[in-house]
Amino acid sequence: MSLRINDIAPDFTADTTQGPISFHDWIGNGWAVLFSHPKNFTPVCTTELGAMAGLAGEFSKRGVKIIGISVDPVESHAKWKGDIKTATGFDVDYPLIGDKDLKVAKLYDMLPAGAGESSEGRTPADNATVRSVFIIGPDKKIKLILTYPMTTGRNFNEILRAIDSIQLTAKHQVATPANWNQGEDVIITAAVSNEDAITRFGSFDTVLPYLRKTRQPTA
């Protein structure tokens, strides 16, 4: 199964460092970020888990839960958390899913069906494609998918920026331009007429017949 934006995020049950969860129930009525790792005790992932822990408050302010997953048992995650604190200075207080049977990695199309049924004996290279980020909305639909190579650490500030855009554009009929950041001008979508745009946004600039910009809505 190939996952795409606007697909329902597959539901699953799993053990985590904070006990067993049913994923959709765990998400509840809010937003979630699921980010995956090919193996514990790998250098880039160690820095990423710490970086995410350091930004946990920023995700919380946006109503977003964060959860990690690694192709290793939960008991191994508990030991890894000590290394993460040593390397980055941050405690990992969000849950980490244990995926020792590769069930979730396969469910989210990060490993092929023929990858086997155990994490034992697998190297990080064997699991190289388990390097994805999924942003999931309150409707349980996938809003964004990013996949990184093992040698490139993820930019979690970019993920926060994307969440700001996704949440804003879900509420208003606007889009965000390249390199947009919170508080900057936005694009009025084609579904909004010029007359309606004045009613909604007060004023706008017509850059091109199909490109109209206005101040970011705040309400």
C-alpha atoms as a PDB file:
ATOM      1  CA  MET A   1       0.000   0.000   0.000  1.00  0.00           C
ATOM      2  CA  SER A   2       1.379   3.378  -1.036  1.00  0.00           C
ATOM      3  CA  LEU A   3       0.434   6.287   1.230  1.00  0.00           C
ATOM      4  CA  ARG A   4      -0.368   9.741  -0.135  1.00  0.00           C
ATOM      5  CA  ILE A   5      -1.443  13.098   1.232  1.00  0.00           C
ATOM      6  CA  ASN A   6      -5.123  13.045   2.297  1.00  0.00           C
ATOM      7  CA  ASP A   7      -5.106   9.282   2.861  1.00  0.00           C
ATOM      8  CA  ILE A   8      -6.321   8.167   6.280  1.00  0.00           C
ATOM      9  CA  ALA A   9      -3.257   7.482   8.426  1.00  0.00           C
ATOM     10  CA  PRO A  10      -3.300   3.727   9.081  1.00  0.00           C
ATOM     11  CA  ASP A  11      -4.390   2.872  12.603  1.00  0.00           C
ATOM     12  CA  PHE A  12      -2.417   0.387  14.691  1.00  0.00           C
ATOM     13  CA  THR A  13      -1.771  -0.808  18.214  1.00  0.00           C
ATOM     14  CA  ALA A  14       1.773  -0.844  19.559  1.00  0.00           C
ATOM     15  CA  ASP A  15       3.925  -0.854  22.667  1.00  0.00           C
ATOM     16  CA  THR A  16       5.644   2.416  23.484  1.00  0.00           C
ATOM     17  CA  THR A  17       7.924   3.786  26.169  1.00  0.00           C
ATOM     18  CA  GLN A  18       4.735   5.125  27.794  1.00  0.00           C
ATOM     19  CA  GLY A  19       2.720   1.930  27.522  1.00  0.00           C
ATOM     20  CA  PRO A  20       0.493   0.385  24.836  1.00  0.00           C
ATOM     21  CA  ILE A  21      -1.437   2.689  22.496  1.00  0.00           C
ATOM     22  CA  SER A  22      -4.064   2.528  19.799  1.00  0.00           C
ATOM     23  CA  PHE A  23      -2.789   5.187  17.398  1.00  0.00           C
ATOM     24  CA  HIS A  24      -6.026   6.930  16.394  1.00  0.00           C
ATOM     25  CA  ASP A  25      -7.207   6.970  19.996  1.00  0.00           C
ATOM     26  CA  TRP A  26      -3.844   8.378  21.064  1.00  0.00           C
ATOM     27  CA  ILE A  27      -4.142  11.204  18.506  1.00  0.00           C
ATOM     28  CA  GLY A  28      -7.615  12.077  19.784  1.00  0.00           C
ATOM     29  CA  ASN A  29      -9.133  15.244  18.322  1.00  0.00           C
ATOM     30  CA  GLY A  30      -5.864  17.057  17.708  1.00  0.00           C
ATOM     31  CA  TRP A  31      -2.846  16.983  15.427  1.00  0.00           C
ATOM     32  CA  ALA A  32       0.090  14.574  15.506  1.00  0.00           C
ATOM     33  CA  VAL A  33       3.591  14.100  14.117  1.00  0.00           C
ATOM     34  CA  LEU A  34       4.886  10.558  13.669  1.00  0.00           C
ATOM     35  CA  PHE A  35       8.603  10.398  12.850  1.00  0.00           C
ATOM     36  CA  SER A  36      10.540   7.211  12.229  1.00  0.00           C
ATOM     37  CA  HIS A  37      14.062   5.887  12.705  1.00  0.00           C
ATOM     38  CA  PRO A  38      15.856   2.895  11.152  1.00  0.00           C
ATOM     39  CA  LYS A  39      17.571   1.730  14.344  1.00  0.00           C
ATOM     40  CA  ASN A  40      18.469   2.761  17.889  1.00  0.00           C
ATOM     41  CA  PHE A  41      21.920   4.045  18.848  1.00  0.00           C
ATOM     42  CA  THR A  42      22.545   5.631  15.446  1.00  0.00           C
ATOM     43  CA  PRO A  43      24.257   9.047  15.427  1.00  0.00           C
ATOM     44  CA  VAL A  44      21.974  11.206  13.287  1.00  0.00           C
ATOM     45  CA  CYS A  45      18.785   9.839  14.861  1.00  0.00           C
ATOM     46  CA  THR A  46      20.193  10.463  18.333  1.00  0.00           C
ATOM     47  CA  THR A  47      20.529  14.164  17.529  1.00  0.00           C
ATOM     48  CA  GLU A  48      17.057  14.233  15.963  1.00  0.00           C
ATOM     49  CA  LEU A  49      15.267  12.737  18.940  1.00  0.00           C
ATOM     50  CA  GLY A  50      16.978  15.270  21.194  1.00  0.00           C
ATOM     51  CA  ALA A  51      16.125  18.153  18.882  1.00  0.00           C
ATOM     52  CA  MET A  52      12.480  17.089  18.887  1.00  0.00           C
ATOM     53  CA  ALA A  53      12.524  16.920  22.682  1.00  0.00           C
ATOM     54  CA  GLY A  54      13.907  20.465  22.799  1.00  0.00           C
ATOM     55  CA  LEU A  55      11.022  21.692  20.612  1.00  0.00           C
ATOM     56  CA  ALA A  56       8.291  19.759  22.429  1.00  0.00           C
ATOM     57  CA  GLY A  57       6.830  22.971  23.851  1.00  0.00           C
ATOM     58  CA  GLU A  58       6.525  24.498  20.379  1.00  0.00           C
ATOM     59  CA  PHE A  59       4.571  21.496  19.118  1.00  0.00           C
ATOM     60  CA  SER A  60       2.367  21.568  22.216  1.00  0.00           C
ATOM     61  CA  LYS A  61       1.533  25.260  21.648  1.00  0.00           C
ATOM     62  CA  ARG A  62       0.170  24.270  18.244  1.00  0.00           C
ATOM     63  CA  GLY A  63      -1.927  21.443  19.672  1.00  0.00           C
ATOM     64  CA  VAL A  64       0.342  18.818  18.108  1.00  0.00           C
ATOM     65  CA  LYS A  65       1.322  15.553  19.795  1.00  0.00           C
ATOM     66  CA  ILE A  66       4.682  14.031  18.859  1.00  0.00           C
ATOM     67  CA  ILE A  67       5.580  10.356  18.756  1.00  0.00           C
ATOM     68  CA  GLY A  68       8.682   8.573  17.509  1.00  0.00           C
ATOM     69  CA  ILE A  69       9.114   5.067  16.182  1.00  0.00           C
ATOM     70  CA  SER A  70      12.249   2.977  15.768  1.00  0.00           C
ATOM     71  CA  VAL A  71      12.727  -0.499  14.359  1.00  0.00           C
ATOM     72  CA  ASP A  72      13.822  -1.917  17.713  1.00  0.00           C
ATOM     73  CA  PRO A  73      12.151  -3.108  20.943  1.00  0.00           C
ATOM     74  CA  VAL A  74      10.829  -0.702  23.580  1.00  0.00           C
ATOM     75  CA  GLU A  75      13.378  -1.971  26.133  1.00  0.00           C
ATOM     76  CA  SER A  76      16.152  -0.763  23.828  1.00  0.00           C
ATOM     77  CA  HIS A  77      14.471   2.652  23.524  1.00  0.00           C
ATOM     78  CA  ALA A  78      14.696   3.133  27.288  1.00  0.00           C
ATOM     79  CA  LYS A  79      18.484   2.677  27.166  1.00  0.00           C
ATOM     80  CA  TRP A  80      18.804   4.930  24.124  1.00  0.00           C
ATOM     81  CA  LYS A  81      17.070   7.794  25.920  1.00  0.00           C
ATOM     82  CA  GLY A  82      20.077   8.082  28.251  1.00  0.00           C
ATOM     83  CA  ASP A  83      22.419   8.541  25.299  1.00  0.00           C
ATOM     84  CA  ILE A  84      20.097  11.148  23.803  1.00  0.00           C
ATOM     85  CA  LYS A  85      20.212  13.157  27.042  1.00  0.00           C
ATOM     86  CA  THR A  86      24.017  12.918  27.106  1.00  0.00           C
ATOM     87  CA  ALA A  87      24.377  14.007  23.478  1.00  0.00           C
ATOM     88  CA  THR A  88      21.775  16.783  23.340  1.00  0.00           C
ATOM     89  CA  GLY A  89      20.919  17.751  26.910  1.00  0.00           C
ATOM     90  CA  PHE A  90      17.220  16.993  26.422  1.00  0.00           C
ATOM     91  CA  ASP A  91      15.033  14.344  28.030  1.00  0.00           C
ATOM     92  CA  VAL A  92      12.766  12.475  25.638  1.00  0.00           C
ATOM     93  CA  ASP A  93       9.374  12.790  27.331  1.00  0.00           C
ATOM     94  CA  TYR A  94       7.251  11.900  24.308  1.00  0.00           C
ATOM     95  CA  PRO A  95       6.471   8.239  23.531  1.00  0.00           C
ATOM     96  CA  LEU A  96       8.693   6.059  21.341  1.00  0.00           C
ATOM     97  CA  ILE A  97       7.044   3.144  19.563  1.00  0.00           C
ATOM     98  CA  GLY A  98       8.813  -0.211  19.541  1.00  0.00           C
ATOM     99  CA  ASP A  99       8.477  -1.820  16.115  1.00  0.00           C
ATOM    100  CA  LYS A 100      10.521  -4.973  16.580  1.00  0.00           C
ATOM    101  CA  ASP A 101       8.201  -6.962  14.285  1.00  0.00           C
ATOM    102  CA  LEU A 102       8.357  -4.229  11.566  1.00  0.00           C
ATOM    103  CA  LYS A 103       4.564  -4.026  11.555  1.00  0.00           C
ATOM    104  CA  VAL A 104       4.231  -0.248  11.624  1.00  0.00           C
ATOM    105  CA  ALA A 105       7.135   0.344   9.226  1.00  0.00           C
ATOM    106  CA  LYS A 106       5.390  -1.873   6.675  1.00  0.00           C
ATOM    107  CA  LEU A 107       1.952  -0.393   7.380  1.00  0.00           C
ATOM    108  CA  TYR A 108       3.306   3.071   6.586  1.00  0.00           C
ATOM    109  CA  ASP A 109       5.057   1.841   3.423  1.00  0.00           C
ATOM    110  CA  MET A 110       8.534   2.505   4.847  1.00  0.00           C
ATOM    111  CA  LEU A 111       9.606  -1.127   4.398  1.00  0.00           C
ATOM    112  CA  PRO A 112       8.466  -3.669   1.783  1.00  0.00           C
ATOM    113  CA  ALA A 113       6.190  -6.533   2.759  1.00  0.00           C
ATOM    114  CA  GLY A 114       9.074  -8.965   2.217  1.00  0.00           C
ATOM    115  CA  ALA A 115      11.361  -7.276   4.755  1.00  0.00           C
ATOM    116  CA  GLY A 116      10.837 -10.051   7.298  1.00  0.00           C
ATOM    117  CA  GLU A 117       9.108 -10.041  10.657  1.00  0.00           C
ATOM    118  CA  SER A 118      11.841  -9.126  13.113  1.00  0.00           C
ATOM    119  CA  SER A 119      14.245  -6.272  13.721  1.00  0.00           C
ATOM    120  CA  GLU A 120      16.891  -8.714  14.956  1.00  0.00           C
ATOM    121  CA  GLY A 121      19.930  -8.942  12.728  1.00  0.00           C
ATOM    122  CA  ARG A 122      18.917  -5.955  10.630  1.00  0.00           C
ATOM    123  CA  THR A 123      21.389  -3.096  10.151  1.00  0.00           C
ATOM    124  CA  PRO A 124      20.517   0.587   9.787  1.00  0.00           C
ATOM    125  CA  ALA A 125      21.203   0.222   6.052  1.00  0.00           C
ATOM    126  CA  ASP A 126      18.592  -2.546   5.882  1.00  0.00           C
ATOM    127  CA  ASN A 127      16.069  -0.083   7.320  1.00  0.00           C
ATOM    128  CA  ALA A 128      17.325   3.022   5.508  1.00  0.00           C
ATOM    129  CA  THR A 129      13.854   3.971   4.251  1.00  0.00           C
ATOM    130  CA  VAL A 130      12.443   4.192   7.787  1.00  0.00           C
ATOM    131  CA  ARG A 131      13.295   7.906   7.868  1.00  0.00           C
ATOM    132  CA  SER A 132       9.904   9.534   7.322  1.00  0.00           C
ATOM    133  CA  VAL A 133       7.857  12.257   8.979  1.00  0.00           C
ATOM    134  CA  PHE A 134       4.053  12.196   8.836  1.00  0.00           C
ATOM    135  CA  ILE A 135       1.915  15.165   9.883  1.00  0.00           C
ATOM    136  CA  ILE A 136      -1.599  13.946  10.677  1.00  0.00           C
ATOM    137  CA  GLY A 137      -4.665  16.128  11.172  1.00  0.00           C
ATOM    138  CA  PRO A 138      -7.609  15.831  13.574  1.00  0.00           C
ATOM    139  CA  ASP A 139      -9.502  14.048  10.778  1.00  0.00           C
ATOM    140  CA  LYS A 140      -6.767  11.355  10.905  1.00  0.00           C
ATOM    141  CA  LYS A 141      -5.704  12.216   7.354  1.00  0.00           C
ATOM    142  CA  ILE A 142      -2.062  12.575   6.336  1.00  0.00           C
ATOM    143  CA  LYS A 143      -1.264  16.231   5.636  1.00  0.00           C
ATOM    144  CA  LEU A 144       2.455  15.961   4.845  1.00  0.00           C
ATOM    145  CA  ILE A 145       5.067  13.258   4.226  1.00  0.00           C
ATOM    146  CA  LEU A 146       8.827  13.882   4.287  1.00  0.00           C
ATOM    147  CA  THR A 147      11.497  11.205   3.847  1.00  0.00           C
ATOM    148  CA  TYR A 148      15.184  11.876   4.504  1.00  0.00           C
ATOM    149  CA  PRO A 149      18.360   9.903   3.794  1.00  0.00           C
ATOM    150  CA  MET A 150      20.192   8.535   6.831  1.00  0.00           C
ATOM    151  CA  THR A 151      23.060  11.003   6.479  1.00  0.00           C
ATOM    152  CA  THR A 152      20.886  14.133   6.510  1.00  0.00           C
ATOM    153  CA  GLY A 153      19.466  15.219   9.849  1.00  0.00           C
ATOM    154  CA  ARG A 154      15.909  16.473   9.749  1.00  0.00           C
ATOM    155  CA  ASN A 155      15.054  20.156  10.204  1.00  0.00           C
ATOM    156  CA  PHE A 156      12.292  20.194  12.819  1.00  0.00           C
ATOM    157  CA  ASN A 157      11.917  23.961  12.576  1.00  0.00           C
ATOM    158  CA  GLU A 158      10.812  23.351   8.987  1.00  0.00           C
ATOM    159  CA  ILE A 159       8.266  20.840  10.248  1.00  0.00           C
ATOM    160  CA  LEU A 160       6.919  23.479  12.653  1.00  0.00           C
ATOM    161  CA  ARG A 161       6.773  25.973   9.770  1.00  0.00           C
ATOM    162  CA  ALA A 162       4.839  23.452   7.681  1.00  0.00           C
ATOM    163  CA  ILE A 163       2.406  22.846  10.557  1.00  0.00           C
ATOM    164  CA  ASP A 164       1.819  26.601  10.855  1.00  0.00           C
ATOM    165  CA  SER A 165       0.962  26.693   7.144  1.00  0.00           C
ATOM    166  CA  ILE A 166      -1.207  23.572   7.191  1.00  0.00           C
ATOM    167  CA  GLN A 167      -3.198  24.740  10.215  1.00  0.00           C
ATOM    168  CA  LEU A 168      -3.646  28.243   8.793  1.00  0.00           C
ATOM    169  CA  THR A 169      -4.728  27.059   5.339  1.00  0.00           C
ATOM    170  CA  ALA A 170      -7.119  24.526   6.863  1.00  0.00           C
ATOM    171  CA  LYS A 171      -8.943  27.393   8.563  1.00  0.00           C
ATOM    172  CA  HIS A 172      -8.886  30.056   5.827  1.00  0.00           C
ATOM    173  CA  GLN A 173      -9.067  29.909   2.020  1.00  0.00           C
ATOM    174  CA  VAL A 174      -5.433  30.895   1.626  1.00  0.00           C
ATOM    175  CA  ALA A 175      -2.152  29.266   0.646  1.00  0.00           C
ATOM    176  CA  THR A 176       1.387  30.141   1.723  1.00  0.00           C
ATOM    177  CA  PRO A 177       4.163  31.114  -0.719  1.00  0.00           C
ATOM    178  CA  ALA A 178       7.702  29.788  -0.886  1.00  0.00           C
ATOM    179  CA  ASN A 179       9.724  30.292   2.293  1.00  0.00           C
ATOM    180  CA  TRP A 180       6.682  31.666   4.129  1.00  0.00           C
ATOM    181  CA  ASN A 181       6.914  32.131   7.891  1.00  0.00           C
ATOM    182  CA  GLN A 182       4.300  32.875  10.536  1.00  0.00           C
ATOM    183  CA  GLY A 183       2.993  36.456  10.219  1.00  0.00           C
ATOM    184  CA  GLU A 184       3.984  37.009   6.587  1.00  0.00           C
ATOM    185  CA  ASP A 185       1.655  37.674   3.652  1.00  0.00           C
ATOM    186  CA  VAL A 186      -0.335  34.784   2.212  1.00  0.00           C
ATOM    187  CA  ILE A 187      -1.902  33.895  -1.139  1.00  0.00           C
ATOM    188  CA  ILE A 188      -5.661  34.022  -1.706  1.00  0.00           C
ATOM    189  CA  THR A 189      -6.864  30.793  -3.310  1.00  0.00           C
ATOM    190  CA  ALA A 190      -8.572  30.764  -6.705  1.00  0.00           C
ATOM    191  CA  ALA A 191     -11.840  29.672  -5.069  1.00  0.00           C
ATOM    192  CA  VAL A 192     -12.248  33.164  -3.570  1.00  0.00           C
ATOM    193  CA  SER A 193     -13.553  35.900  -5.872  1.00  0.00           C
ATOM    194  CA  ASN A 194     -12.161  39.425  -5.750  1.00  0.00           C
ATOM    195  CA  GLU A 195     -15.377  40.640  -4.124  1.00  0.00           C
ATOM    196  CA  ASP A 196     -15.301  37.900  -1.510  1.00  0.00           C
ATOM    197  CA  ALA A 197     -11.595  38.553  -0.907  1.00  0.00           C
ATOM    198  CA  ILE A 198     -12.348  42.170   0.041  1.00  0.00           C
ATOM    199  CA  THR A 199     -15.049  40.985   2.443  1.00  0.00           C
ATOM    200  CA  ARG A 200     -12.797  38.319   3.978  1.00  0.00           C
ATOM    201  CA  PHE A 201      -9.415  40.020   4.043  1.00  0.00           C
ATOM    202  CA  GLY A 202     -10.114  43.759   3.677  1.00  0.00           C
ATOM    203  CA  SER A 203      -7.602  44.336   0.893  1.00  0.00           C
ATOM    204  CA  PHE A 204      -5.187  42.460  -1.351  1.00  0.00           C
ATOM    205  CA  ASP A 205      -2.493  42.984  -3.978  1.00  0.00           C
ATOM    206  CA  THR A 206      -2.842  41.468  -7.444  1.00  0.00           C
ATOM    207  CA  VAL A 207       0.669  40.378  -8.456  1.00  0.00           C
ATOM    208  CA  LEU A 208      -0.594  38.341 -11.422  1.00  0.00           C
ATOM    209  CA  PRO A 209      -4.161  37.526 -12.501  1.00  0.00           C
ATOM    210  CA  TYR A 210      -3.794  34.203 -10.671  1.00  0.00           C
ATOM    211  CA  LEU A 211      -1.586  35.424  -7.792  1.00  0.00           C
ATOM    212  CA  ARG A 212      -3.208  37.638  -5.157  1.00  0.00           C
ATOM    213  CA  LYS A 213      -1.514  38.361  -1.840  1.00  0.00           C
ATOM    214  CA  THR A 214      -2.965  39.619   1.424  1.00  0.00           C
ATOM    215  CA  ARG A 215      -2.056  39.902   5.085  1.00  0.00           C
ATOM    216  CA  GLN A 216      -2.165  36.699   7.081  1.00  0.00           C
ATOM    217  CA  PRO A 217      -5.610  36.244   8.675  1.00  0.00           C
ATOM    218  CA  THR A 218      -5.446  36.266  12.450  1.00  0.00           C
ATOM    219  CA  ALA A 219      -9.008  35.327  13.453  1.00  0.00           C
END
